[in-house]
C-alpha atoms as a PDB file:
ATOM      1  CA  UNK A   1      81.452 170.636  86.923  1.00  0.00           C
ATOM      2  CA  UNK A   2      82.611 171.324  90.508  1.00  0.00           C
ATOM      3  CA  UNK A   3      83.212 167.474  91.091  1.00  0.00           C
ATOM      4  CA  UNK A   4      84.593 166.833  87.892  1.00  0.00           C
ATOM      5  CA  UNK A   5      87.213 169.493  88.375  1.00  0.00           C
ATOM      6  CA  UNK A   6      87.889 168.449  92.075  1.00  0.00           C
ATOM      7  CA  UNK A   7      88.263 164.738  90.678  1.00  0.00           C
ATOM      8  CA  UNK A   8      90.706 165.783  87.972  1.00  0.00           C
ATOM      9  CA  UNK A   9      92.855 167.488  90.809  1.00  0.00           C
ATOM     10  CA  UNK A  10      92.982 164.469  92.760  1.00  0.00           C
ATOM     11  CA  UNK A  11      93.969 162.315  89.939  1.00  0.00           C
ATOM     12  CA  UNK A  12      96.571 164.575  88.581  1.00  0.00           C
ATOM     13  CA  UNK A  13      98.112 165.349  92.302  1.00  0.00           C
ATOM     14  CA  UNK A  14     101.073 163.193  93.664  1.00  0.00           C
ATOM     15  CA  UNK A  15      99.396 161.609  96.551  1.00  0.00           C
ATOM     16  CA  UNK A  16     100.293 159.016  99.292  1.00  0.00           C
ATOM     17  CA  UNK A  17      97.539 156.985  98.167  1.00  0.00           C
ATOM     18  CA  UNK A  18      96.414 155.220  95.073  1.00  0.00           C
ATOM     19  CA  UNK A  19      93.172 156.629  93.534  1.00  0.00           C
ATOM     20  CA  UNK A  20      90.905 154.208  91.714  1.00  0.00           C
ATOM     21  CA  UNK A  21      88.143 156.300  90.438  1.00  0.00           C
ATOM     22  CA  UNK A  22      84.960 154.985  88.834  1.00  0.00           C
ATOM     23  CA  UNK A  23      82.455 156.929  86.896  1.00  0.00           C
ATOM     24  CA  UNK A  24      79.093 155.116  87.295  1.00  0.00           C
ATOM     25  CA  UNK A  25      77.892 156.381  84.000  1.00  0.00           C
ATOM     26  CA  UNK A  26      80.930 154.978  82.531  1.00  0.00           C
ATOM     27  CA  UNK A  27      80.543 151.545  83.885  1.00  0.00           C
ATOM     28  CA  UNK A  28      76.691 151.375  82.858  1.00  0.00           C
ATOM     29  CA  UNK A  29      77.513 152.669  79.368  1.00  0.00           C
ATOM     30  CA  UNK A  30      80.289 149.604  79.252  1.00  0.00           C
ATOM     31  CA  UNK A  31      77.980 146.840  80.479  1.00  0.00           C
ATOM     32  CA  UNK A  32      75.254 147.865  78.023  1.00  0.00           C
ATOM     33  CA  UNK A  33      77.785 147.653  75.372  1.00  0.00           C
ATOM     34  CA  UNK A  34      79.033 144.298  76.564  1.00  0.00           C
ATOM     35  CA  UNK A  35      75.386 143.006  76.607  1.00  0.00           C
ATOM     36  CA  UNK A  36      74.886 144.506  73.032  1.00  0.00           C
ATOM     37  CA  UNK A  37      71.920 146.594  73.948  1.00  0.00           C
ATOM     38  CA  UNK A  38      73.319 150.023  74.240  1.00  0.00           C
ATOM     39  CA  UNK A  39      72.207 150.677  70.540  1.00  0.00           C
ATOM     40  CA  UNK A  40      68.782 149.238  71.106  1.00  0.00           C
ATOM     41  CA  UNK A  41      67.482 151.327  74.179  1.00  0.00           C
ATOM     42  CA  UNK A  42      66.195 154.237  72.440  1.00  0.00           C
ATOM     43  CA  UNK A  43      63.900 152.442  70.257  1.00  0.00           C
ATOM     44  CA  UNK A  44      62.808 150.027  73.253  1.00  0.00           C
ATOM     45  CA  UNK A  45      62.155 152.978  75.201  1.00  0.00           C
ATOM     46  CA  UNK A  46      59.851 154.319  72.626  1.00  0.00           C
ATOM     47  CA  UNK A  47      57.977 151.276  72.044  1.00  0.00           C
ATOM     48  CA  UNK A  48      57.657 150.115  75.550  1.00  0.00           C
ATOM     49  CA  UNK A  49      58.101 152.986  77.772  1.00  0.00           C
ATOM     50  CA  UNK A  50      60.556 154.374  80.253  1.00  0.00           C
ATOM     51  CA  UNK A  51      59.112 151.841  83.172  1.00  0.00           C
ATOM     52  CA  UNK A  52      60.053 149.016  81.131  1.00  0.00           C
ATOM     53  CA  UNK A  53      63.572 150.243  80.426  1.00  0.00           C
ATOM     54  CA  UNK A  54      64.338 150.727  83.969  1.00  0.00           C
ATOM     55  CA  UNK A  55      63.105 147.427  85.045  1.00  0.00           C
ATOM     56  CA  UNK A  56      65.195 145.733  82.373  1.00  0.00           C
ATOM     57  CA  UNK A  57      68.157 147.722  83.030  1.00  0.00           C
ATOM     58  CA  UNK A  58      67.702 146.887  86.656  1.00  0.00           C
ATOM     59  CA  UNK A  59      67.944 143.282  86.000  1.00  0.00           C
ATOM     60  CA  UNK A  60      70.888 143.329  83.459  1.00  0.00           C
ATOM     61  CA  UNK A  61      72.887 145.993  85.232  1.00  0.00           C
ATOM     62  CA  UNK A  62      72.659 145.071  88.844  1.00  0.00           C
ATOM     63  CA  UNK A  63      74.742 146.403  91.533  1.00  0.00           C
ATOM     64  CA  UNK A  64      76.626 142.976  91.762  1.00  0.00           C
ATOM     65  CA  UNK A  65      77.429 143.399  88.005  1.00  0.00           C
ATOM     66  CA  UNK A  66      78.610 146.857  88.747  1.00  0.00           C
ATOM     67  CA  UNK A  67      80.705 145.897  91.442  1.00  0.00           C
ATOM     68  CA  UNK A  68      82.476 142.884  89.728  1.00  0.00           C
ATOM     69  CA  UNK A  69      83.176 145.289  86.773  1.00  0.00           C
ATOM     70  CA  UNK A  70      84.971 147.336  88.914  1.00  0.00           C
ATOM     71  CA  UNK A  71      87.020 144.668  90.641  1.00  0.00           C
ATOM     72  CA  UNK A  72      90.797 145.008  90.291  1.00  0.00           C
ATOM     73  CA  UNK A  73      93.533 142.550  91.526  1.00  0.00           C
ATOM     74  CA  UNK A  74      96.105 143.546  93.830  1.00  0.00           C
ATOM     75  CA  UNK A  75      94.540 146.052  96.351  1.00  0.00           C
ATOM     76  CA  UNK A  76      97.149 147.939  97.947  1.00  0.00           C
ATOM     77  CA  UNK A  77      97.554 149.491 101.091  1.00  0.00           C
ATOM     78  CA  UNK A  78      96.581 152.947 100.557  1.00  0.00           C
ATOM     79  CA  UNK A  79      94.059 152.475  97.663  1.00  0.00           C
ATOM     80  CA  UNK A  80      90.865 154.416  97.810  1.00  0.00           C
ATOM     81  CA  UNK A  81      88.134 153.967  95.518  1.00  0.00           C
ATOM     82  CA  UNK A  82      86.342 157.205  94.304  1.00  0.00           C
ATOM     83  CA  UNK A  83      82.873 156.831  92.928  1.00  0.00           C
ATOM     84  CA  UNK A  84      81.293 159.686  90.826  1.00  0.00           C
ATOM     85  CA  UNK A  85      78.424 159.619  88.512  1.00  0.00           C
ATOM     86  CA  UNK A  86      75.722 158.735  91.159  1.00  0.00           C
ATOM     87  CA  UNK A  87      73.390 161.157  89.751  1.00  0.00           C
ATOM     88  CA  UNK A  88      73.611 160.042  86.110  1.00  0.00           C
ATOM     89  CA  UNK A  89      72.943 156.472  86.807  1.00  0.00           C
ATOM     90  CA  UNK A  90      70.095 157.125  88.984  1.00  0.00           C
ATOM     91  CA  UNK A  91      67.438 155.434  88.641  1.00  0.00           C
ATOM     92  CA  UNK A  92      68.933 152.509  87.203  1.00  0.00           C
ATOM     93  CA  UNK A  93      71.555 151.910  90.075  1.00  0.00           C
ATOM     94  CA  UNK A  94      71.080 152.990  93.541  1.00  0.00           C
ATOM     95  CA  UNK A  95      74.174 153.822  95.419  1.00  0.00           C
ATOM     96  CA  UNK A  96      73.342 151.772  98.788  1.00  0.00           C
ATOM     97  CA  UNK A  97      72.928 148.772  96.805  1.00  0.00           C
ATOM     98  CA  UNK A  98      76.013 149.156  94.958  1.00  0.00           C
ATOM     99  CA  UNK A  99      78.212 149.843  98.110  1.00  0.00           C
ATOM    100  CA  UNK A 100      76.715 146.709  99.666  1.00  0.00           C
ATOM    101  CA  UNK A 101      77.705 144.691  96.689  1.00  0.00           C
ATOM    102  CA  UNK A 102      81.126 146.057  96.697  1.00  0.00           C
ATOM    103  CA  UNK A 103      81.676 145.297 100.361  1.00  0.00           C
ATOM    104  CA  UNK A 104      82.665 141.723  99.936  1.00  0.00           C
ATOM    105  CA  UNK A 105      85.019 142.546  97.056  1.00  0.00           C
ATOM    106  CA  UNK A 106      86.680 145.879  98.455  1.00  0.00           C
ATOM    107  CA  UNK A 107      86.459 145.301 102.255  1.00  0.00           C
ATOM    108  CA  UNK A 108      90.120 146.323 102.385  1.00  0.00           C
ATOM    109  CA  UNK A 109      89.754 149.705 100.434  1.00  0.00           C
ATOM    110  CA  UNK A 110      88.034 152.926 101.564  1.00  0.00           C
ATOM    111  CA  UNK A 111      85.323 154.281  99.129  1.00  0.00           C
ATOM    112  CA  UNK A 112      84.783 157.770  98.643  1.00  0.00           C
ATOM    113  CA  UNK A 113      81.444 158.725  97.117  1.00  0.00           C
ATOM    114  CA  UNK A 114      80.587 162.178  95.279  1.00  0.00           C
ATOM    115  CA  UNK A 115      76.884 162.145  96.058  1.00  0.00           C
ATOM    116  CA  UNK A 116      74.752 164.791  94.389  1.00  0.00           C
ATOM    117  CA  UNK A 117      72.694 165.821  97.398  1.00  0.00           C
ATOM    118  CA  UNK A 118      72.751 166.588 101.008  1.00  0.00           C
ATOM    119  CA  UNK A 119      73.962 164.952 104.339  1.00  0.00           C
ATOM    120  CA  UNK A 120      72.643 166.258 107.396  1.00  0.00           C
ATOM    121  CA  UNK A 121      75.031 164.317 109.560  1.00  0.00           C
ATOM    122  CA  UNK A 122      72.771 161.280 109.872  1.00  0.00           C
ATOM    123  CA  UNK A 123      71.008 160.444 106.222  1.00  0.00           C
ATOM    124  CA  UNK A 124      71.912 161.434 102.786  1.00  0.00           C
ATOM    125  CA  UNK A 125      69.134 163.071 100.270  1.00  0.00           C
ATOM    126  CA  UNK A 126      69.713 162.272  96.902  1.00  0.00           C
ATOM    127  CA  UNK A 127      69.085 165.588  94.736  1.00  0.00           C
ATOM    128  CA  UNK A 128      68.214 167.176  98.106  1.00  0.00           C
ATOM    129  CA  UNK A 129      64.541 165.757  97.103  1.00  0.00           C
ATOM    130  CA  UNK A 130      64.231 162.195  97.481  1.00  0.00           C
ATOM    131  CA  UNK A 131      63.289 160.491 100.740  1.00  0.00           C
ATOM    132  CA  UNK A 132      66.791 159.881 103.026  1.00  0.00           C
ATOM    133  CA  UNK A 133      67.636 156.285 103.027  1.00  0.00           C
ATOM    134  CA  UNK A 134      68.574 155.070 106.717  1.00  0.00           C
ATOM    135  CA  UNK A 135      70.944 152.401 105.353  1.00  0.00           C
ATOM    136  CA  UNK A 136      73.847 154.667 104.702  1.00  0.00           C
ATOM    137  CA  UNK A 137      76.802 154.828 107.177  1.00  0.00           C
ATOM    138  CA  UNK A 138      78.429 157.654 105.640  1.00  0.00           C
ATOM    139  CA  UNK A 139      80.062 161.003 106.984  1.00  0.00           C
ATOM    140  CA  UNK A 140      81.074 164.112 105.372  1.00  0.00           C
ATOM    141  CA  UNK A 141      84.854 163.892 103.990  1.00  0.00           C
ATOM    142  CA  UNK A 142      85.018 167.607 102.666  1.00  0.00           C
END
């Protein structure tokens, strides 16, 4: 709730930058809807299990598909992309894979990720439980 409130404040404030906000869960739902699988997921999960659903969603809603869905024309100096919903799309989408897929499309736009976990100055730890991933080149912004 704190993150949602903070993002709303950022979006409502007149800033010197243009904030482009993406809730990854909304993108996930849009992709599932476009592929006409959203309504079938509960029945498939019941019949085939969570592991089956996870594997299928990882194939059809991969990082490149997410990044392409976020692509917008006319990047402007001062744009900042804000990503939220990281915890809501786990384990279907891993943020390190998404950031890697975004790099060629958004190399001129800084990306701010609201990450549900801990950052110790070197590594991020999702939900303060999962093993840190050494891929991240992150720093604490707030």
